[in-house]
């Protein structure tokens, strides 16, 4: 689950420009925006390697972002979805996630020193009865500049304080 949230974190962080040294505003995204990934040890009815994920629909009122991930080697497509706060709802690995409670879910603007907790339920439909609940606590510990082909961006550096089963 941490790997899934780390992917979402990178997506959010790499798209966000810093307003100042203290905070980062929410990224602006629109239909047609795409990101490329190099994945290791991901599975969804077979291995997932390099892929490109593109936004296909955004409903700001329902707070949902729909995307499609296209695997570079096979051309296979996998539907994914996120909340408009970049909380993963349906991952590339097939995990279906429901936010149960969020004390403060990755609310923008993000500021150094802030902490937030989320309780989620998840179901790995492709693995049969693989389901559970998890509590995550995160703390924003700083910012770092990253340089990618699209330019230079300010990225959040956060570490999970802990992730543990609720039951």
N, C-alpha and C. Protein backbone atom coordinates (compact mmCIF):
# COMPACT_ATOMS: atom_id res chain seq x y z
N UNK A 1 0.82 -1.18 0.00
CA UNK A 1 0.00 0.00 0.00
C UNK A 1 0.87 1.25 0.00
N UNK A 2 2.02 1.22 0.68
CA UNK A 2 2.90 2.39 0.71
C UNK A 2 3.37 2.71 -0.70
N UNK A 3 3.69 1.68 -1.50
CA UNK A 3 4.16 1.91 -2.86
C UNK A 3 3.09 2.64 -3.66
N UNK A 4 1.83 2.26 -3.50
CA UNK A 4 0.73 2.91 -4.19
C UNK A 4 0.66 4.38 -3.81
N UNK A 5 0.74 4.68 -2.52
CA UNK A 5 0.68 6.06 -2.08
C UNK A 5 1.91 6.83 -2.53
N UNK A 6 3.06 6.17 -2.61
CA UNK A 6 4.27 6.85 -3.07
C UNK A 6 4.12 7.27 -4.53
N UNK A 7 3.49 6.43 -5.35
CA UNK A 7 3.25 6.78 -6.75
C UNK A 7 2.35 7.99 -6.84
N UNK A 8 1.29 7.98 -6.05
CA UNK A 8 0.39 9.13 -6.05
C UNK A 8 1.12 10.36 -5.56
N UNK A 9 1.94 10.22 -4.53
CA UNK A 9 2.72 11.34 -4.01
C UNK A 9 3.58 11.93 -5.11
N UNK A 10 4.29 11.08 -5.86
CA UNK A 10 5.16 11.59 -6.91
C UNK A 10 4.35 12.33 -7.96
N UNK A 11 3.20 11.78 -8.31
CA UNK A 11 2.33 12.43 -9.29
C UNK A 11 1.93 13.81 -8.81
N UNK A 12 1.52 13.92 -7.58
CA UNK A 12 1.12 15.21 -7.02
C UNK A 12 2.31 16.14 -6.91
N UNK A 13 3.39 15.63 -6.35
CA UNK A 13 4.54 16.48 -6.09
C UNK A 13 5.19 16.97 -7.37
N UNK A 14 5.29 16.12 -8.37
CA UNK A 14 5.96 16.53 -9.60
C UNK A 14 5.13 17.51 -10.40
N UNK A 15 3.83 17.56 -10.14
CA UNK A 15 2.98 18.49 -10.87
C UNK A 15 2.80 19.82 -10.15
N UNK A 16 3.23 19.90 -8.89
CA UNK A 16 2.97 21.09 -8.08
C UNK A 16 4.17 22.03 -8.08
N UNK A 17 3.94 23.27 -8.37
CA UNK A 17 4.98 24.29 -8.25
C UNK A 17 4.84 24.98 -6.91
N UNK A 18 5.93 25.32 -6.30
CA UNK A 18 5.87 25.96 -4.99
C UNK A 18 5.47 27.41 -5.10
N UNK A 19 4.52 27.81 -4.24
CA UNK A 19 4.14 29.21 -4.16
C UNK A 19 5.21 29.97 -3.39
N UNK A 20 5.78 29.32 -2.41
CA UNK A 20 6.87 29.88 -1.63
C UNK A 20 7.61 28.71 -0.99
N UNK A 21 8.57 29.01 -0.14
CA UNK A 21 9.35 27.94 0.49
C UNK A 21 8.54 27.18 1.55
N UNK A 22 7.41 27.73 1.98
CA UNK A 22 6.67 27.13 3.08
C UNK A 22 5.53 26.21 2.66
N UNK A 23 5.03 26.35 1.43
CA UNK A 23 3.86 25.56 1.07
C UNK A 23 3.84 25.24 -0.42
N UNK A 24 3.03 24.26 -0.77
CA UNK A 24 2.83 23.87 -2.17
C UNK A 24 1.33 23.84 -2.42
N UNK A 25 0.92 24.52 -3.50
CA UNK A 25 -0.49 24.53 -3.88
C UNK A 25 -0.84 23.25 -4.62
N UNK A 26 -2.13 22.97 -4.71
CA UNK A 26 -2.61 21.79 -5.44
C UNK A 26 -2.24 21.93 -6.92
N UNK A 27 -1.89 20.82 -7.56
CA UNK A 27 -1.57 20.89 -8.99
C UNK A 27 -2.83 21.12 -9.81
N UNK A 28 -2.67 21.82 -10.91
CA UNK A 28 -3.77 21.97 -11.86
C UNK A 28 -3.60 20.88 -12.91
N UNK A 29 -4.62 20.08 -13.09
CA UNK A 29 -4.57 19.03 -14.10
C UNK A 29 -5.81 19.13 -14.96
N UNK A 30 -5.71 18.58 -16.16
CA UNK A 30 -6.84 18.57 -17.06
C UNK A 30 -6.81 17.30 -17.90
N UNK A 31 -7.92 17.02 -18.55
CA UNK A 31 -8.03 15.84 -19.40
C UNK A 31 -6.93 15.92 -20.46
N UNK A 32 -6.24 14.82 -20.65
CA UNK A 32 -5.15 14.77 -21.62
C UNK A 32 -3.77 14.84 -20.98
N UNK A 33 -3.68 15.27 -19.72
CA UNK A 33 -2.38 15.28 -19.03
C UNK A 33 -1.92 13.84 -18.84
N UNK A 34 -0.63 13.60 -19.06
CA UNK A 34 -0.07 12.26 -18.98
C UNK A 34 1.24 12.26 -18.19
N UNK A 35 1.54 11.13 -17.56
CA UNK A 35 2.78 10.93 -16.85
C UNK A 35 3.33 9.56 -17.23
N UNK A 36 4.65 9.45 -17.31
CA UNK A 36 5.30 8.17 -17.60
C UNK A 36 5.90 7.62 -16.32
N UNK A 37 5.82 6.29 -16.17
CA UNK A 37 6.33 5.63 -14.97
C UNK A 37 7.21 4.45 -15.37
N UNK A 38 8.18 4.16 -14.54
CA UNK A 38 8.98 2.94 -14.65
C UNK A 38 8.70 2.15 -13.38
N UNK A 39 8.00 1.06 -13.50
CA UNK A 39 7.55 0.29 -12.33
C UNK A 39 8.36 -0.99 -12.18
N UNK A 40 8.52 -1.40 -10.94
CA UNK A 40 9.16 -2.66 -10.61
C UNK A 40 8.29 -3.40 -9.61
N UNK A 41 8.17 -4.68 -9.80
CA UNK A 41 7.45 -5.57 -8.88
C UNK A 41 5.98 -5.21 -8.74
N UNK A 42 5.38 -4.68 -9.78
CA UNK A 42 3.94 -4.46 -9.80
C UNK A 42 3.30 -5.53 -10.65
N UNK A 43 2.12 -5.99 -10.25
CA UNK A 43 1.41 -7.03 -10.96
C UNK A 43 -0.06 -6.66 -11.10
N UNK A 44 -0.64 -6.99 -12.23
CA UNK A 44 -2.08 -6.93 -12.46
C UNK A 44 -2.34 -7.84 -13.65
N UNK A 45 -2.65 -9.09 -13.35
CA UNK A 45 -2.82 -10.11 -14.40
C UNK A 45 -1.57 -10.19 -15.27
N UNK A 46 -0.43 -10.12 -14.64
CA UNK A 46 0.86 -10.13 -15.31
C UNK A 46 1.69 -8.95 -14.83
N UNK A 47 2.99 -8.98 -15.13
CA UNK A 47 3.87 -7.92 -14.66
C UNK A 47 3.57 -6.57 -15.32
N UNK A 48 3.78 -5.51 -14.55
CA UNK A 48 3.65 -4.15 -15.06
C UNK A 48 5.04 -3.55 -15.08
N UNK A 49 5.49 -3.12 -16.24
CA UNK A 49 6.79 -2.46 -16.35
C UNK A 49 6.56 -0.98 -16.58
N UNK A 50 7.20 -0.44 -17.60
CA UNK A 50 7.02 0.97 -17.93
C UNK A 50 5.60 1.20 -18.45
N UNK A 51 5.01 2.31 -18.04
CA UNK A 51 3.67 2.64 -18.52
C UNK A 51 3.46 4.14 -18.52
N UNK A 52 2.46 4.56 -19.26
CA UNK A 52 2.05 5.96 -19.29
C UNK A 52 0.62 6.04 -18.79
N UNK A 53 0.36 6.97 -17.89
CA UNK A 53 -0.99 7.14 -17.35
C UNK A 53 -1.50 8.52 -17.76
N UNK A 54 -2.70 8.53 -18.35
CA UNK A 54 -3.28 9.78 -18.87
C UNK A 54 -4.67 10.00 -18.28
N UNK A 55 -4.97 11.25 -17.95
CA UNK A 55 -6.28 11.61 -17.43
C UNK A 55 -7.29 11.61 -18.57
N UNK A 56 -8.40 10.90 -18.37
CA UNK A 56 -9.43 10.81 -19.41
C UNK A 56 -10.72 11.54 -19.03
N UNK A 57 -10.93 11.78 -17.72
CA UNK A 57 -12.16 12.46 -17.29
C UNK A 57 -11.94 13.05 -15.90
N UNK A 58 -12.49 14.25 -15.68
CA UNK A 58 -12.46 14.87 -14.35
C UNK A 58 -13.86 15.37 -14.04
N UNK A 59 -14.37 15.02 -12.86
CA UNK A 59 -15.64 15.56 -12.40
C UNK A 59 -15.36 16.25 -11.08
N UNK A 60 -15.22 17.59 -11.13
CA UNK A 60 -14.86 18.35 -9.93
C UNK A 60 -15.97 18.31 -8.89
N UNK A 61 -17.24 18.23 -9.30
CA UNK A 61 -18.33 18.17 -8.33
C UNK A 61 -18.33 16.86 -7.56
N UNK A 62 -18.06 15.76 -8.26
CA UNK A 62 -18.01 14.45 -7.60
C UNK A 62 -16.62 14.15 -7.05
N UNK A 63 -15.68 15.06 -7.30
CA UNK A 63 -14.31 14.96 -6.79
C UNK A 63 -13.62 13.68 -7.23
N UNK A 64 -13.70 13.38 -8.54
CA UNK A 64 -13.09 12.17 -9.06
C UNK A 64 -12.30 12.47 -10.34
N UNK A 65 -11.16 11.81 -10.45
CA UNK A 65 -10.31 11.87 -11.64
C UNK A 65 -10.20 10.45 -12.17
N UNK A 66 -10.51 10.26 -13.45
CA UNK A 66 -10.41 8.96 -14.10
C UNK A 66 -9.21 9.01 -15.05
N UNK A 67 -8.43 7.94 -15.05
CA UNK A 67 -7.25 7.88 -15.91
C UNK A 67 -7.14 6.48 -16.50
N UNK A 68 -6.29 6.36 -17.50
CA UNK A 68 -5.99 5.05 -18.07
C UNK A 68 -4.47 4.90 -18.15
N UNK A 69 -3.99 3.76 -17.69
CA UNK A 69 -2.57 3.45 -17.75
C UNK A 69 -2.35 2.50 -18.93
N UNK A 70 -1.44 2.88 -19.83
CA UNK A 70 -1.14 2.05 -21.00
C UNK A 70 0.27 1.48 -20.82
N UNK A 71 0.35 0.13 -20.74
CA UNK A 71 1.62 -0.53 -20.55
C UNK A 71 2.43 -0.47 -21.84
N UNK A 72 3.68 -0.03 -21.73
CA UNK A 72 4.52 0.19 -22.91
C UNK A 72 4.81 -1.11 -23.67
N UNK A 73 5.11 -2.19 -22.96
CA UNK A 73 5.49 -3.43 -23.65
C UNK A 73 4.34 -4.10 -24.39
N UNK A 74 3.16 -4.14 -23.76
CA UNK A 74 2.05 -4.89 -24.34
C UNK A 74 0.96 -4.02 -24.95
N UNK A 75 0.93 -2.74 -24.58
CA UNK A 75 -0.15 -1.88 -25.05
C UNK A 75 -1.44 -2.07 -24.25
N UNK A 76 -1.41 -2.99 -23.30
CA UNK A 76 -2.58 -3.24 -22.46
C UNK A 76 -2.95 -1.99 -21.68
N UNK A 77 -4.25 -1.77 -21.49
CA UNK A 77 -4.73 -0.60 -20.76
C UNK A 77 -5.40 -1.02 -19.46
N UNK A 78 -5.14 -0.25 -18.40
CA UNK A 78 -5.72 -0.50 -17.08
C UNK A 78 -6.34 0.80 -16.60
N UNK A 79 -7.62 0.76 -16.25
CA UNK A 79 -8.29 1.95 -15.73
C UNK A 79 -7.88 2.21 -14.29
N UNK A 80 -7.67 3.48 -13.96
CA UNK A 80 -7.35 3.90 -12.60
C UNK A 80 -8.24 5.09 -12.24
N UNK A 81 -8.34 5.38 -10.95
CA UNK A 81 -9.11 6.55 -10.54
C UNK A 81 -8.55 7.11 -9.24
N UNK A 82 -8.78 8.41 -9.05
CA UNK A 82 -8.27 9.15 -7.90
C UNK A 82 -9.34 10.13 -7.45
N UNK A 83 -9.22 10.58 -6.20
CA UNK A 83 -10.03 11.72 -5.77
C UNK A 83 -9.32 12.97 -6.30
N UNK A 84 -9.99 14.09 -6.27
CA UNK A 84 -9.35 15.33 -6.73
C UNK A 84 -8.26 15.78 -5.76
N UNK A 85 -8.13 15.14 -4.60
CA UNK A 85 -7.02 15.39 -3.68
C UNK A 85 -5.91 14.37 -3.90
N UNK A 86 -5.99 13.59 -4.98
CA UNK A 86 -5.02 12.57 -5.37
C UNK A 86 -4.97 11.40 -4.42
N UNK A 87 -6.09 11.08 -3.80
CA UNK A 87 -6.19 9.85 -3.03
C UNK A 87 -6.58 8.75 -4.01
N UNK A 88 -5.81 7.69 -4.09
CA UNK A 88 -6.08 6.63 -5.05
C UNK A 88 -7.37 5.89 -4.69
N UNK A 89 -8.22 5.72 -5.68
CA UNK A 89 -9.45 4.94 -5.49
C UNK A 89 -9.32 3.57 -6.13
N UNK A 90 -8.78 3.53 -7.34
CA UNK A 90 -8.56 2.27 -8.05
C UNK A 90 -7.14 2.31 -8.61
N UNK A 91 -6.28 1.44 -8.13
CA UNK A 91 -4.87 1.50 -8.50
C UNK A 91 -4.57 0.67 -9.74
N UNK A 92 -3.38 0.86 -10.28
CA UNK A 92 -2.94 0.08 -11.43
C UNK A 92 -2.81 -1.40 -11.08
N UNK A 93 -2.62 -1.72 -9.82
CA UNK A 93 -2.53 -3.11 -9.38
C UNK A 93 -3.90 -3.74 -9.13
N UNK A 94 -4.96 -2.96 -9.30
CA UNK A 94 -6.30 -3.49 -9.10
C UNK A 94 -6.84 -3.34 -7.70
N UNK A 95 -6.14 -2.59 -6.86
CA UNK A 95 -6.62 -2.37 -5.50
C UNK A 95 -7.72 -1.32 -5.51
N UNK A 96 -8.84 -1.65 -4.90
CA UNK A 96 -9.96 -0.71 -4.76
C UNK A 96 -9.89 -0.16 -3.35
N UNK A 97 -9.78 1.16 -3.23
CA UNK A 97 -9.57 1.80 -1.94
C UNK A 97 -10.73 2.74 -1.63
N UNK A 98 -11.21 2.68 -0.39
CA UNK A 98 -12.26 3.58 0.07
C UNK A 98 -11.75 4.34 1.28
N UNK A 99 -11.82 5.64 1.22
CA UNK A 99 -11.43 6.47 2.34
C UNK A 99 -12.52 6.42 3.40
N UNK A 100 -12.17 5.90 4.59
CA UNK A 100 -13.15 5.80 5.68
C UNK A 100 -13.18 7.07 6.49
N UNK A 101 -12.01 7.57 6.81
CA UNK A 101 -11.92 8.74 7.67
C UNK A 101 -10.61 9.44 7.35
N UNK A 102 -10.68 10.75 7.28
CA UNK A 102 -9.47 11.52 7.03
C UNK A 102 -9.44 12.71 7.97
N UNK A 103 -8.50 12.67 8.90
CA UNK A 103 -8.35 13.79 9.80
C UNK A 103 -7.96 15.02 8.99
N UNK A 104 -7.07 14.81 8.05
CA UNK A 104 -6.63 15.87 7.14
C UNK A 104 -5.96 15.19 5.95
N UNK A 105 -6.71 14.82 4.92
CA UNK A 105 -6.14 14.06 3.81
C UNK A 105 -5.40 14.94 2.81
N UNK A 106 -4.09 14.90 2.80
CA UNK A 106 -3.27 15.62 1.81
C UNK A 106 -3.90 16.93 1.35
N UNK A 107 -4.39 17.71 2.28
CA UNK A 107 -5.07 18.95 1.92
C UNK A 107 -4.06 19.99 1.48
N UNK A 108 -4.36 20.62 0.37
CA UNK A 108 -3.48 21.67 -0.14
C UNK A 108 -3.91 23.02 0.39
N UNK A 109 -3.00 23.96 0.57
CA UNK A 109 -1.56 23.81 0.33
C UNK A 109 -0.90 22.98 1.44
N UNK A 110 0.10 22.20 1.05
CA UNK A 110 0.86 21.39 1.98
C UNK A 110 1.95 22.26 2.61
N UNK A 111 2.19 22.09 3.91
CA UNK A 111 3.20 22.88 4.61
C UNK A 111 4.11 21.96 5.43
N UNK A 112 5.38 22.33 5.50
CA UNK A 112 6.36 21.58 6.29
C UNK A 112 5.89 21.52 7.74
N UNK A 113 6.00 20.34 8.32
CA UNK A 113 5.63 20.13 9.71
C UNK A 113 4.21 19.63 9.90
N UNK A 114 3.37 19.77 8.88
CA UNK A 114 1.99 19.29 9.00
C UNK A 114 1.94 17.77 9.02
N UNK A 115 1.00 17.25 9.76
CA UNK A 115 0.77 15.81 9.77
C UNK A 115 -0.68 15.57 9.40
N UNK A 116 -0.93 14.40 8.87
CA UNK A 116 -2.30 14.03 8.57
C UNK A 116 -2.46 12.53 8.65
N UNK A 117 -3.69 12.13 8.95
CA UNK A 117 -4.01 10.71 9.12
C UNK A 117 -5.13 10.34 8.17
N UNK A 118 -5.08 9.13 7.68
CA UNK A 118 -6.17 8.61 6.87
C UNK A 118 -6.43 7.16 7.27
N UNK A 119 -7.70 6.80 7.32
CA UNK A 119 -8.11 5.41 7.52
C UNK A 119 -8.73 4.96 6.22
N UNK A 120 -8.27 3.84 5.72
CA UNK A 120 -8.79 3.34 4.45
C UNK A 120 -9.22 1.89 4.56
N UNK A 121 -10.13 1.51 3.69
CA UNK A 121 -10.48 0.11 3.47
C UNK A 121 -9.96 -0.22 2.08
N UNK A 122 -9.43 -1.42 1.91
CA UNK A 122 -8.95 -1.81 0.59
C UNK A 122 -9.38 -3.23 0.27
N UNK A 123 -9.47 -3.48 -1.02
CA UNK A 123 -9.81 -4.82 -1.50
C UNK A 123 -8.99 -5.08 -2.74
N UNK A 124 -8.22 -6.14 -2.73
CA UNK A 124 -7.43 -6.56 -3.89
C UNK A 124 -8.25 -7.60 -4.63
N UNK A 125 -9.18 -7.16 -5.46
CA UNK A 125 -10.14 -8.03 -6.13
C UNK A 125 -9.48 -9.16 -6.91
N UNK A 126 -8.32 -8.90 -7.49
CA UNK A 126 -7.65 -9.92 -8.30
C UNK A 126 -7.04 -11.04 -7.45
N UNK A 127 -6.94 -10.82 -6.14
CA UNK A 127 -6.33 -11.81 -5.26
C UNK A 127 -7.34 -12.53 -4.38
N UNK A 128 -8.60 -12.51 -4.78
CA UNK A 128 -9.62 -13.19 -4.01
C UNK A 128 -10.00 -12.42 -2.77
N UNK A 129 -10.06 -13.09 -1.60
CA UNK A 129 -10.54 -12.43 -0.40
C UNK A 129 -9.48 -11.58 0.31
N UNK A 130 -8.62 -10.92 -0.44
CA UNK A 130 -7.56 -10.09 0.13
C UNK A 130 -8.14 -8.70 0.38
N UNK A 131 -8.47 -8.40 1.63
CA UNK A 131 -9.08 -7.11 1.98
C UNK A 131 -8.64 -6.73 3.38
N UNK A 132 -8.81 -5.45 3.70
CA UNK A 132 -8.46 -5.01 5.04
C UNK A 132 -8.68 -3.53 5.23
N UNK A 133 -8.23 -3.08 6.38
CA UNK A 133 -8.32 -1.68 6.75
C UNK A 133 -6.94 -1.25 7.22
N UNK A 134 -6.58 0.00 6.93
CA UNK A 134 -5.26 0.50 7.32
C UNK A 134 -5.36 1.93 7.80
N UNK A 135 -4.56 2.27 8.78
CA UNK A 135 -4.41 3.64 9.25
C UNK A 135 -3.02 4.12 8.83
N UNK A 136 -2.97 5.27 8.15
CA UNK A 136 -1.70 5.87 7.76
C UNK A 136 -1.58 7.23 8.41
N UNK A 137 -0.39 7.52 8.94
CA UNK A 137 -0.08 8.85 9.45
C UNK A 137 1.14 9.35 8.67
N UNK A 138 1.03 10.57 8.13
CA UNK A 138 2.11 11.16 7.37
C UNK A 138 2.52 12.49 7.97
N UNK A 139 3.77 12.85 7.74
CA UNK A 139 4.28 14.16 8.15
C UNK A 139 5.08 14.74 7.00
N UNK A 140 4.79 15.99 6.65
CA UNK A 140 5.57 16.68 5.61
C UNK A 140 6.86 17.14 6.27
N UNK A 141 8.00 16.64 5.79
CA UNK A 141 9.27 16.96 6.44
C UNK A 141 10.13 17.94 5.66
N UNK A 142 9.74 18.26 4.45
CA UNK A 142 10.53 19.24 3.70
C UNK A 142 10.19 19.21 2.22
N UNK A 143 10.95 19.99 1.48
CA UNK A 143 10.77 20.11 0.04
C UNK A 143 12.09 19.84 -0.64
N UNK A 144 12.01 19.35 -1.84
CA UNK A 144 13.21 19.20 -2.66
C UNK A 144 12.86 19.56 -4.09
N UNK A 145 13.82 20.09 -4.80
CA UNK A 145 13.62 20.40 -6.20
C UNK A 145 13.96 19.18 -7.02
N UNK A 146 13.10 18.86 -7.98
CA UNK A 146 13.38 17.76 -8.90
C UNK A 146 13.37 18.31 -10.31
N UNK A 147 14.21 17.73 -11.15
CA UNK A 147 14.28 18.14 -12.54
C UNK A 147 13.90 16.95 -13.40
N UNK A 148 12.87 17.14 -14.21
CA UNK A 148 12.37 16.12 -15.14
C UNK A 148 12.27 16.76 -16.51
N UNK A 149 12.02 15.98 -17.56
CA UNK A 149 11.92 16.57 -18.89
C UNK A 149 10.93 17.73 -18.99
N UNK A 150 9.90 17.73 -18.14
CA UNK A 150 8.90 18.80 -18.20
C UNK A 150 9.38 20.08 -17.50
N UNK A 151 10.49 20.02 -16.77
CA UNK A 151 11.01 21.21 -16.10
C UNK A 151 11.43 20.93 -14.67
N UNK A 152 11.61 22.01 -13.91
CA UNK A 152 12.03 21.91 -12.51
C UNK A 152 10.80 22.15 -11.63
N UNK A 153 10.62 21.27 -10.64
CA UNK A 153 9.46 21.34 -9.77
C UNK A 153 9.88 21.20 -8.32
N UNK A 154 9.07 21.72 -7.43
CA UNK A 154 9.26 21.56 -6.00
C UNK A 154 8.41 20.38 -5.56
N UNK A 155 9.04 19.38 -4.93
CA UNK A 155 8.34 18.16 -4.54
C UNK A 155 8.28 18.04 -3.03
N UNK A 156 7.17 17.51 -2.55
CA UNK A 156 7.00 17.24 -1.12
C UNK A 156 7.88 16.07 -0.73
N UNK A 157 8.54 16.19 0.39
CA UNK A 157 9.30 15.09 0.96
C UNK A 157 8.58 14.68 2.23
N UNK A 158 7.82 13.60 2.16
CA UNK A 158 7.07 13.16 3.33
C UNK A 158 7.43 11.73 3.64
N UNK A 159 7.29 11.40 4.86
CA UNK A 159 7.57 10.04 5.30
C UNK A 159 6.37 9.55 6.10
N UNK A 160 6.02 8.29 5.88
CA UNK A 160 4.93 7.75 6.71
C UNK A 160 5.44 7.62 8.14
N UNK A 161 4.66 8.11 9.07
CA UNK A 161 5.02 7.93 10.48
C UNK A 161 4.74 6.49 10.86
N UNK A 162 3.65 5.96 10.35
CA UNK A 162 3.40 4.52 10.46
C UNK A 162 2.17 4.17 9.63
N UNK A 163 2.15 2.97 9.19
CA UNK A 163 1.00 2.41 8.51
C UNK A 163 0.72 1.09 9.18
N UNK A 164 -0.49 0.91 9.65
CA UNK A 164 -0.76 -0.31 10.40
C UNK A 164 -2.20 -0.75 10.18
N UNK A 165 -2.43 -2.05 10.30
CA UNK A 165 -3.81 -2.54 10.21
C UNK A 165 -4.64 -1.97 11.35
N UNK A 166 -5.89 -1.69 11.06
CA UNK A 166 -6.78 -1.20 12.10
C UNK A 166 -7.27 -2.31 13.00
N UNK A 167 -7.33 -3.51 12.46
CA UNK A 167 -7.80 -4.64 13.26
C UNK A 167 -6.74 -5.70 13.35
